[in-house]
Amino acid sequence: MNNHHMRGKTYTQQEFFDERREISDTQLVQFLNDGARTPVVVKLTRNRVAMISVDFALPEQTKLRLHERFLGAPDEVLAALRNYLRGRRRSCWRIVSDFAQSIDAGNHPVKEPRTRTRGYYVDLKEVMDQVNEEHFGNTVKAKITWGRRAKSPGKRRRSIHYGSYSPSQNLIRIHPLLDDRRVPLEFIRYIVFHEMLHSQVPAVTRNGRTNHHPPEFNRREREYPEWRRMHILARRLLKTLSERYA
């Protein structure tokens, strides 16, 4: 975790980026098998009826089929799933079942997510293409889009998640509040860089905990020009942009 200071106050990187991120299918398998006596074989589905099924029939392995939305499940749900596979406790299954029932898979075939790169002031495709060439040698293949705009303003925000990355969709989302003439383009470039870096440096899962900003990620992020100033700017922009919600 990166801690930064400004005028005596400490703020963290999680204030600016979506820390509750999806994990990859590989990380899920690793998490469920870490320390398990019986190997867990996982198959992700897009089934619109059965969100999860467990087969304990074979003594040499446990078969698990579950909807891909579980990749974005809260930590407590994934921990309950792992505990259920090992002890078959009903209390753990209730937590998993409640999450499974909350999944809305829809009644239509799964489609590719819609993307919108052109904003009022900034074209994210142009920004991403430049960042990709300058910092990644054009190796990043992720898609990018502006996030959805809020339907109603509401109260002033205390935090803004400027960006997020979805491994299952290979999609970067940038908060639409950044599509503002008061936001420096260099700051948007940094946010895009940060999310692109997530596509290159995956999260690390150890002892049942997932670190979305492992040491390798932090090392490479610190190589970004004026990255400290970008974090200070992130804090200052929070007040400016949240005025639209006051």
C-alpha atoms as a PDB file:
ATOM      1  CA  MET A   1       0.000   0.000   0.000  1.00  0.00           C
ATOM      2  CA  ASN A   2       1.321   3.449  -0.845  1.00  0.00           C
ATOM      3  CA  ASN A   3       0.905   6.156   1.789  1.00  0.00           C
ATOM      4  CA  HIS A   4       1.299   9.825   0.887  1.00  0.00           C
ATOM      5  CA  HIS A   5       1.183  13.007   2.945  1.00  0.00           C
ATOM      6  CA  MET A   6      -0.122  16.470   2.223  1.00  0.00           C
ATOM      7  CA  ARG A   7      -0.427  19.256   4.781  1.00  0.00           C
ATOM      8  CA  GLY A   8      -0.177  16.826   7.673  1.00  0.00           C
ATOM      9  CA  LYS A   9      -2.818  14.414   6.379  1.00  0.00           C
ATOM     10  CA  THR A  10      -2.163  10.865   5.305  1.00  0.00           C
ATOM     11  CA  TYR A  11      -4.039   9.429   2.359  1.00  0.00           C
ATOM     12  CA  THR A  12      -3.742   6.132   0.573  1.00  0.00           C
ATOM     13  CA  GLN A  13      -3.700   4.955  -2.989  1.00  0.00           C
ATOM     14  CA  GLN A  14      -7.013   3.186  -2.410  1.00  0.00           C
ATOM     15  CA  GLU A  15      -8.739   6.563  -2.191  1.00  0.00           C
ATOM     16  CA  PHE A  16      -8.064   7.132  -5.866  1.00  0.00           C
ATOM     17  CA  PHE A  17      -8.383   3.663  -7.402  1.00  0.00           C
ATOM     18  CA  ASP A  18     -10.965   0.918  -7.087  1.00  0.00           C
ATOM     19  CA  GLU A  19      -9.363  -1.450  -4.552  1.00  0.00           C
ATOM     20  CA  ARG A  20     -12.234  -3.994  -4.718  1.00  0.00           C
ATOM     21  CA  ARG A  21     -11.114  -5.425  -8.027  1.00  0.00           C
ATOM     22  CA  GLU A  22     -11.766  -8.702  -9.748  1.00  0.00           C
ATOM     23  CA  ILE A  23      -9.241 -11.477  -9.452  1.00  0.00           C
ATOM     24  CA  SER A  24      -8.234 -13.631 -12.401  1.00  0.00           C
ATOM     25  CA  ASP A  25      -9.340 -17.229 -12.879  1.00  0.00           C
ATOM     26  CA  THR A  26      -5.769 -18.345 -12.134  1.00  0.00           C
ATOM     27  CA  GLN A  27      -5.743 -16.428  -8.853  1.00  0.00           C
ATOM     28  CA  LEU A  28      -9.093 -17.944  -7.876  1.00  0.00           C
ATOM     29  CA  VAL A  29      -7.790 -21.472  -8.487  1.00  0.00           C
ATOM     30  CA  GLN A  30      -4.649 -20.675  -6.506  1.00  0.00           C
ATOM     31  CA  PHE A  31      -6.705 -19.246  -3.638  1.00  0.00           C
ATOM     32  CA  LEU A  32      -9.023 -22.265  -3.415  1.00  0.00           C
ATOM     33  CA  ASN A  33      -6.173 -24.775  -3.621  1.00  0.00           C
ATOM     34  CA  ASP A  34      -3.786 -23.061  -1.220  1.00  0.00           C
ATOM     35  CA  GLY A  35      -3.317 -25.605   1.581  1.00  0.00           C
ATOM     36  CA  ALA A  36      -6.180 -27.846   0.406  1.00  0.00           C
ATOM     37  CA  ARG A  37      -5.890 -31.597   0.984  1.00  0.00           C
ATOM     38  CA  THR A  38      -8.036 -32.361  -2.061  1.00  0.00           C
ATOM     39  CA  PRO A  39      -7.338 -30.463  -5.299  1.00  0.00           C
ATOM     40  CA  VAL A  40     -10.126 -28.202  -6.516  1.00  0.00           C
ATOM     41  CA  VAL A  41     -10.808 -28.201 -10.262  1.00  0.00           C
ATOM     42  CA  VAL A  42     -12.564 -24.976 -11.253  1.00  0.00           C
ATOM     43  CA  LYS A  43     -14.650 -24.311 -14.349  1.00  0.00           C
ATOM     44  CA  LEU A  44     -16.001 -20.793 -14.862  1.00  0.00           C
ATOM     45  CA  THR A  45     -19.313 -20.471 -16.684  1.00  0.00           C
ATOM     46  CA  ARG A  46     -21.770 -17.891 -17.944  1.00  0.00           C
ATOM     47  CA  ASN A  47     -24.699 -20.101 -17.055  1.00  0.00           C
ATOM     48  CA  ARG A  48     -27.859 -18.045 -16.606  1.00  0.00           C
ATOM     49  CA  VAL A  49     -29.555 -20.591 -14.332  1.00  0.00           C
ATOM     50  CA  ALA A  50     -27.044 -22.439 -12.123  1.00  0.00           C
ATOM     51  CA  MET A  51     -24.568 -19.994 -10.572  1.00  0.00           C
ATOM     52  CA  ILE A  52     -22.582 -22.611  -8.660  1.00  0.00           C
ATOM     53  CA  SER A  53     -22.383 -26.375  -8.263  1.00  0.00           C
ATOM     54  CA  VAL A  54     -19.976 -28.561  -6.282  1.00  0.00           C
ATOM     55  CA  ASP A  55     -19.197 -32.232  -6.923  1.00  0.00           C
ATOM     56  CA  PHE A  56     -17.493 -34.123  -4.093  1.00  0.00           C
ATOM     57  CA  ALA A  57     -18.014 -37.528  -5.759  1.00  0.00           C
ATOM     58  CA  LEU A  58     -14.390 -38.181  -6.683  1.00  0.00           C
ATOM     59  CA  PRO A  59     -11.990 -38.716  -3.753  1.00  0.00           C
ATOM     60  CA  GLU A  60      -8.983 -37.411  -5.696  1.00  0.00           C
ATOM     61  CA  GLN A  61     -10.513 -34.028  -6.590  1.00  0.00           C
ATOM     62  CA  THR A  62     -13.389 -31.649  -6.002  1.00  0.00           C
ATOM     63  CA  LYS A  63     -15.141 -30.284  -9.078  1.00  0.00           C
ATOM     64  CA  LEU A  64     -16.422 -26.729  -8.863  1.00  0.00           C
ATOM     65  CA  ARG A  65     -18.494 -24.951 -11.486  1.00  0.00           C
ATOM     66  CA  LEU A  66     -19.334 -21.348 -10.820  1.00  0.00           C
ATOM     67  CA  HIS A  67     -20.382 -18.208 -12.634  1.00  0.00           C
ATOM     68  CA  GLU A  68     -17.578 -15.859 -13.688  1.00  0.00           C
ATOM     69  CA  ARG A  69     -19.144 -13.134 -11.522  1.00  0.00           C
ATOM     70  CA  PHE A  70     -17.524 -14.894  -8.567  1.00  0.00           C
ATOM     71  CA  LEU A  71     -14.236 -13.364  -9.748  1.00  0.00           C
ATOM     72  CA  GLY A  72     -15.530 -10.088  -8.373  1.00  0.00           C
ATOM     73  CA  ALA A  73     -17.051 -11.508  -5.196  1.00  0.00           C
ATOM     74  CA  PRO A  74     -16.162  -9.881  -1.854  1.00  0.00           C
ATOM     75  CA  ASP A  75     -13.286 -11.425   0.071  1.00  0.00           C
ATOM     76  CA  GLU A  76     -15.604 -12.855   2.720  1.00  0.00           C
ATOM     77  CA  VAL A  77     -17.583 -14.735   0.057  1.00  0.00           C
ATOM     78  CA  LEU A  78     -14.469 -16.294  -1.461  1.00  0.00           C
ATOM     79  CA  ALA A  79     -13.179 -17.191   2.006  1.00  0.00           C
ATOM     80  CA  ALA A  80     -16.520 -18.843   2.821  1.00  0.00           C
ATOM     81  CA  LEU A  81     -16.355 -20.790  -0.452  1.00  0.00           C
ATOM     82  CA  ARG A  82     -12.881 -22.061   0.338  1.00  0.00           C
ATOM     83  CA  ASN A  83     -13.925 -23.059   3.866  1.00  0.00           C
ATOM     84  CA  TYR A  84     -17.012 -24.829   2.569  1.00  0.00           C
ATOM     85  CA  LEU A  85     -14.977 -26.889   0.103  1.00  0.00           C
ATOM     86  CA  ARG A  86     -12.809 -28.061   3.001  1.00  0.00           C
ATOM     87  CA  GLY A  87     -15.332 -28.520   5.791  1.00  0.00           C
ATOM     88  CA  ARG A  88     -18.772 -28.461   4.126  1.00  0.00           C
ATOM     89  CA  ARG A  89     -20.066 -26.176   6.848  1.00  0.00           C
ATOM     90  CA  ARG A  90     -23.604 -24.950   6.261  1.00  0.00           C
ATOM     91  CA  SER A  91     -22.818 -21.501   7.641  1.00  0.00           C
ATOM     92  CA  CYS A  92     -20.192 -21.040   4.922  1.00  0.00           C
ATOM     93  CA  TRP A  93     -22.520 -22.325   2.219  1.00  0.00           C
ATOM     94  CA  ARG A  94     -25.205 -19.805   3.217  1.00  0.00           C
ATOM     95  CA  ILE A  95     -22.773 -16.944   2.567  1.00  0.00           C
ATOM     96  CA  VAL A  96     -21.819 -18.389  -0.826  1.00  0.00           C
ATOM     97  CA  SER A  97     -25.434 -19.156  -1.715  1.00  0.00           C
ATOM     98  CA  ASP A  98     -26.599 -15.637  -0.830  1.00  0.00           C
ATOM     99  CA  PHE A  99     -24.004 -14.172  -3.195  1.00  0.00           C
ATOM    100  CA  ALA A 100     -24.906 -16.650  -5.950  1.00  0.00           C
ATOM    101  CA  GLN A 101     -28.576 -15.682  -5.662  1.00  0.00           C
ATOM    102  CA  SER A 102     -27.638 -12.004  -5.976  1.00  0.00           C
ATOM    103  CA  ILE A 103     -26.076 -12.557  -9.395  1.00  0.00           C
ATOM    104  CA  ASP A 104     -28.221 -11.216 -12.208  1.00  0.00           C
ATOM    105  CA  ALA A 105     -27.043 -13.127 -15.261  1.00  0.00           C
ATOM    106  CA  GLY A 106     -29.900 -11.803 -17.402  1.00  0.00           C
ATOM    107  CA  ASN A 107     -32.007 -13.645 -19.908  1.00  0.00           C
ATOM    108  CA  HIS A 108     -29.985 -12.720 -22.967  1.00  0.00           C
ATOM    109  CA  PRO A 109     -26.715 -14.007 -24.401  1.00  0.00           C
ATOM    110  CA  VAL A 110     -23.639 -12.407 -22.874  1.00  0.00           C
ATOM    111  CA  LYS A 111     -22.380  -9.591 -25.071  1.00  0.00           C
ATOM    112  CA  GLU A 112     -19.116  -7.749 -25.202  1.00  0.00           C
ATOM    113  CA  PRO A 113     -19.245  -4.685 -22.943  1.00  0.00           C
ATOM    114  CA  ARG A 114     -20.054  -1.445 -24.696  1.00  0.00           C
ATOM    115  CA  THR A 115     -17.237   1.041 -24.741  1.00  0.00           C
ATOM    116  CA  ARG A 116     -17.317   4.816 -25.083  1.00  0.00           C
ATOM    117  CA  THR A 117     -13.954   6.465 -25.549  1.00  0.00           C
ATOM    118  CA  ARG A 118     -14.940   9.910 -26.818  1.00  0.00           C
ATOM    119  CA  GLY A 119     -15.888  12.338 -24.080  1.00  0.00           C
ATOM    120  CA  TYR A 120     -16.735  16.032 -24.116  1.00  0.00           C
ATOM    121  CA  TYR A 121     -13.097  17.032 -23.711  1.00  0.00           C
ATOM    122  CA  VAL A 122     -10.975  13.866 -23.888  1.00  0.00           C
ATOM    123  CA  ASP A 123     -10.761  10.889 -26.223  1.00  0.00           C
ATOM    124  CA  LEU A 124      -9.562   7.966 -24.116  1.00  0.00           C
ATOM    125  CA  LYS A 125      -8.483   5.963 -27.145  1.00  0.00           C
ATOM    126  CA  GLU A 126      -6.005   8.667 -28.120  1.00  0.00           C
ATOM    127  CA  VAL A 127      -4.718   8.871 -24.544  1.00  0.00           C
ATOM    128  CA  MET A 128      -4.355   5.106 -24.221  1.00  0.00           C
ATOM    129  CA  ASP A 129      -2.603   4.781 -27.569  1.00  0.00           C
ATOM    130  CA  GLN A 130      -0.023   7.379 -26.506  1.00  0.00           C
ATOM    131  CA  VAL A 131       0.539   5.815 -23.092  1.00  0.00           C
ATOM    132  CA  ASN A 132       0.735   2.348 -24.633  1.00  0.00           C
ATOM    133  CA  GLU A 133       3.466   3.440 -27.022  1.00  0.00           C
ATOM    134  CA  GLU A 134       5.472   5.480 -24.515  1.00  0.00           C
ATOM    135  CA  HIS A 135       5.366   3.149 -21.506  1.00  0.00           C
ATOM    136  CA  PHE A 136       4.379  -0.343 -22.677  1.00  0.00           C
ATOM    137  CA  GLY A 137       5.808  -0.685 -26.185  1.00  0.00           C
ATOM    138  CA  ASN A 138       2.269  -1.151 -27.560  1.00  0.00           C
ATOM    139  CA  THR A 139       1.927  -4.465 -25.707  1.00  0.00           C
ATOM    140  CA  VAL A 140      -1.282  -3.698 -23.794  1.00  0.00           C
ATOM    141  CA  LYS A 141      -4.350  -5.129 -25.537  1.00  0.00           C
ATOM    142  CA  ALA A 142      -6.981  -4.034 -23.022  1.00  0.00           C
ATOM    143  CA  LYS A 143     -10.071  -2.037 -23.999  1.00  0.00           C
ATOM    144  CA  ILE A 144     -10.941   1.278 -22.384  1.00  0.00           C
ATOM    145  CA  THR A 145     -14.131   3.211 -21.766  1.00  0.00           C
ATOM    146  CA  TRP A 146     -15.585   6.073 -19.778  1.00  0.00           C
ATOM    147  CA  GLY A 147     -17.667   4.794 -16.884  1.00  0.00           C
ATOM    148  CA  ARG A 148     -21.352   5.515 -16.541  1.00  0.00           C
ATOM    149  CA  ARG A 149     -22.417   8.942 -15.415  1.00  0.00           C
ATOM    150  CA  ALA A 150     -24.468   9.173 -12.237  1.00  0.00           C
ATOM    151  CA  LYS A 151     -28.192   9.630 -12.862  1.00  0.00           C
ATOM    152  CA  SER A 152     -28.531  12.062  -9.962  1.00  0.00           C
ATOM    153  CA  PRO A 153     -25.884  14.233  -8.303  1.00  0.00           C
ATOM    154  CA  GLY A 154     -26.440  13.373  -4.631  1.00  0.00           C
ATOM    155  CA  LYS A 155     -24.190  14.681  -1.869  1.00  0.00           C
ATOM    156  CA  ARG A 156     -20.546  15.733  -2.031  1.00  0.00           C
ATOM    157  CA  ARG A 157     -18.202  12.786  -2.464  1.00  0.00           C
ATOM    158  CA  ARG A 158     -15.447  12.056   0.045  1.00  0.00           C
ATOM    159  CA  SER A 159     -13.585   9.873  -2.445  1.00  0.00           C
ATOM    160  CA  ILE A 160     -13.549   9.215  -6.171  1.00  0.00           C
ATOM    161  CA  HIS A 161     -12.318   5.991  -7.698  1.00  0.00           C
ATOM    162  CA  TYR A 162     -10.654   7.461 -10.746  1.00  0.00           C
ATOM    163  CA  GLY A 163     -10.180   4.153 -12.527  1.00  0.00           C
ATOM    164  CA  SER A 164     -10.591   0.379 -12.425  1.00  0.00           C
ATOM    165  CA  TYR A 165      -9.518  -2.669 -14.419  1.00  0.00           C
ATOM    166  CA  SER A 166     -11.562  -5.841 -14.997  1.00  0.00           C
ATOM    167  CA  PRO A 167      -9.415  -8.899 -15.862  1.00  0.00           C
ATOM    168  CA  SER A 168     -12.405 -10.987 -16.986  1.00  0.00           C
ATOM    169  CA  GLN A 169     -13.419  -8.311 -19.500  1.00  0.00           C
ATOM    170  CA  ASN A 170      -9.897  -6.988 -20.070  1.00  0.00           C
ATOM    171  CA  LEU A 171     -11.527  -3.598 -19.735  1.00  0.00           C
ATOM    172  CA  ILE A 172     -10.338  -0.332 -18.199  1.00  0.00           C
ATOM    173  CA  ARG A 173     -12.987   2.063 -16.902  1.00  0.00           C
ATOM    174  CA  ILE A 174     -12.203   5.714 -16.237  1.00  0.00           C
ATOM    175  CA  HIS A 175     -14.464   7.801 -14.014  1.00  0.00           C
ATOM    176  CA  PRO A 176     -16.524  10.218 -16.148  1.00  0.00           C
ATOM    177  CA  LEU A 177     -15.840  13.064 -13.717  1.00  0.00           C
ATOM    178  CA  LEU A 178     -12.373  13.264 -15.252  1.00  0.00           C
ATOM    179  CA  ASP A 179     -13.913  14.338 -18.554  1.00  0.00           C
ATOM    180  CA  ASP A 180     -13.726  17.920 -17.351  1.00  0.00           C
ATOM    181  CA  ARG A 181     -11.851  20.906 -18.746  1.00  0.00           C
ATOM    182  CA  ARG A 182     -10.432  21.559 -15.258  1.00  0.00           C
ATOM    183  CA  VAL A 183      -8.642  18.204 -15.205  1.00  0.00           C
ATOM    184  CA  PRO A 184      -5.130  18.334 -16.717  1.00  0.00           C
ATOM    185  CA  LEU A 185      -4.609  15.891 -19.541  1.00  0.00           C
ATOM    186  CA  GLU A 186      -1.374  14.750 -17.902  1.00  0.00           C
ATOM    187  CA  PHE A 187      -3.405  13.530 -14.919  1.00  0.00           C
ATOM    188  CA  ILE A 188      -5.753  11.496 -17.108  1.00  0.00           C
ATOM    189  CA  ARG A 189      -2.698   9.984 -18.798  1.00  0.00           C
ATOM    190  CA  TYR A 190      -1.405   8.913 -15.392  1.00  0.00           C
ATOM    191  CA  ILE A 191      -4.731   7.314 -14.389  1.00  0.00           C
ATOM    192  CA  VAL A 192      -4.827   5.415 -17.696  1.00  0.00           C
ATOM    193  CA  PHE A 193      -1.215   4.317 -17.136  1.00  0.00           C
ATOM    194  CA  HIS A 194      -2.074   3.017 -13.662  1.00  0.00           C
ATOM    195  CA  GLU A 195      -4.940   0.878 -14.946  1.00  0.00           C
ATOM    196  CA  MET A 196      -2.921  -0.370 -17.917  1.00  0.00           C
ATOM    197  CA  LEU A 197      -0.240  -1.429 -15.463  1.00  0.00           C
ATOM    198  CA  HIS A 198      -2.817  -3.600 -13.694  1.00  0.00           C
ATOM    199  CA  SER A 199      -3.284  -5.500 -16.952  1.00  0.00           C
ATOM    200  CA  GLN A 200       0.459  -6.185 -17.032  1.00  0.00           C
ATOM    201  CA  VAL A 201       1.179  -6.866 -13.354  1.00  0.00           C
ATOM    202  CA  PRO A 202      -1.495  -9.157 -11.864  1.00  0.00           C
ATOM    203  CA  ALA A 203      -2.502  -9.201  -8.234  1.00  0.00           C
ATOM    204  CA  VAL A 204      -0.704 -11.580  -5.894  1.00  0.00           C
ATOM    205  CA  THR A 205      -2.600 -13.938  -3.581  1.00  0.00           C
ATOM    206  CA  ARG A 206      -0.859 -15.278  -0.485  1.00  0.00           C
ATOM    207  CA  ASN A 207      -2.356 -16.865   2.644  1.00  0.00           C
ATOM    208  CA  GLY A 208      -5.852 -16.114   1.430  1.00  0.00           C
ATOM    209  CA  ARG A 209      -5.234 -12.376   0.936  1.00  0.00           C
ATOM    210  CA  THR A 210      -5.003 -10.639  -2.421  1.00  0.00           C
ATOM    211  CA  ASN A 211      -2.633  -7.722  -2.925  1.00  0.00           C
ATOM    212  CA  HIS A 212      -3.650  -5.724  -5.994  1.00  0.00           C
ATOM    213  CA  HIS A 213      -0.560  -3.513  -5.729  1.00  0.00           C
ATOM    214  CA  PRO A 214       2.327  -5.967  -5.187  1.00  0.00           C
ATOM    215  CA  PRO A 215       5.947  -4.742  -4.977  1.00  0.00           C
ATOM    216  CA  GLU A 216       6.523  -5.156  -8.724  1.00  0.00           C
ATOM    217  CA  PHE A 217       3.487  -2.980  -9.447  1.00  0.00           C
ATOM    218  CA  ASN A 218       4.643  -0.264  -7.043  1.00  0.00           C
ATOM    219  CA  ARG A 219       8.180  -0.355  -8.446  1.00  0.00           C
ATOM    220  CA  ARG A 220       6.985   0.176 -11.996  1.00  0.00           C
ATOM    221  CA  GLU A 221       4.484   2.842 -11.004  1.00  0.00           C
ATOM    222  CA  ARG A 222       7.211   4.855  -9.284  1.00  0.00           C
ATOM    223  CA  GLU A 223       9.024   4.982 -12.615  1.00  0.00           C
ATOM    224  CA  TYR A 224       6.184   7.074 -14.037  1.00  0.00           C
ATOM    225  CA  PRO A 225       7.246  10.715 -14.501  1.00  0.00           C
ATOM    226  CA  GLU A 226       6.242  12.846 -11.499  1.00  0.00           C
ATOM    227  CA  TRP A 227       4.099  10.096 -10.004  1.00  0.00           C
ATOM    228  CA  ARG A 228       4.244  11.727  -6.560  1.00  0.00           C
ATOM    229  CA  ARG A 229       2.886  14.970  -7.982  1.00  0.00           C
ATOM    230  CA  MET A 230       0.105  12.993  -9.665  1.00  0.00           C
ATOM    231  CA  HIS A 231      -1.038  11.674  -6.280  1.00  0.00           C
ATOM    232  CA  ILE A 232      -1.009  15.150  -4.800  1.00  0.00           C
ATOM    233  CA  LEU A 233      -3.020  16.341  -7.780  1.00  0.00           C
ATOM    234  CA  ALA A 234      -5.468  13.459  -7.254  1.00  0.00           C
ATOM    235  CA  ARG A 235      -6.189  14.762  -3.768  1.00  0.00           C
ATOM    236  CA  ARG A 236      -6.641  18.341  -4.918  1.00  0.00           C
ATOM    237  CA  LEU A 237      -8.922  17.377  -7.785  1.00  0.00           C
ATOM    238  CA  LEU A 238     -11.166  15.458  -5.397  1.00  0.00           C
ATOM    239  CA  LYS A 239     -12.417  18.711  -3.890  1.00  0.00           C
ATOM    240  CA  THR A 240     -12.798  20.389  -7.277  1.00  0.00           C
ATOM    241  CA  LEU A 241     -14.684  17.551  -8.945  1.00  0.00           C
ATOM    242  CA  SER A 242     -16.888  16.730  -5.963  1.00  0.00           C
ATOM    243  CA  GLU A 243     -18.370  20.237  -6.206  1.00  0.00           C
ATOM    244  CA  ARG A 244     -20.516  18.890  -9.038  1.00  0.00           C
ATOM    245  CA  TYR A 245     -22.173  16.631  -6.440  1.00  0.00           C
ATOM    246  CA  ALA A 246     -22.590  19.217  -3.734  1.00  0.00           C
END
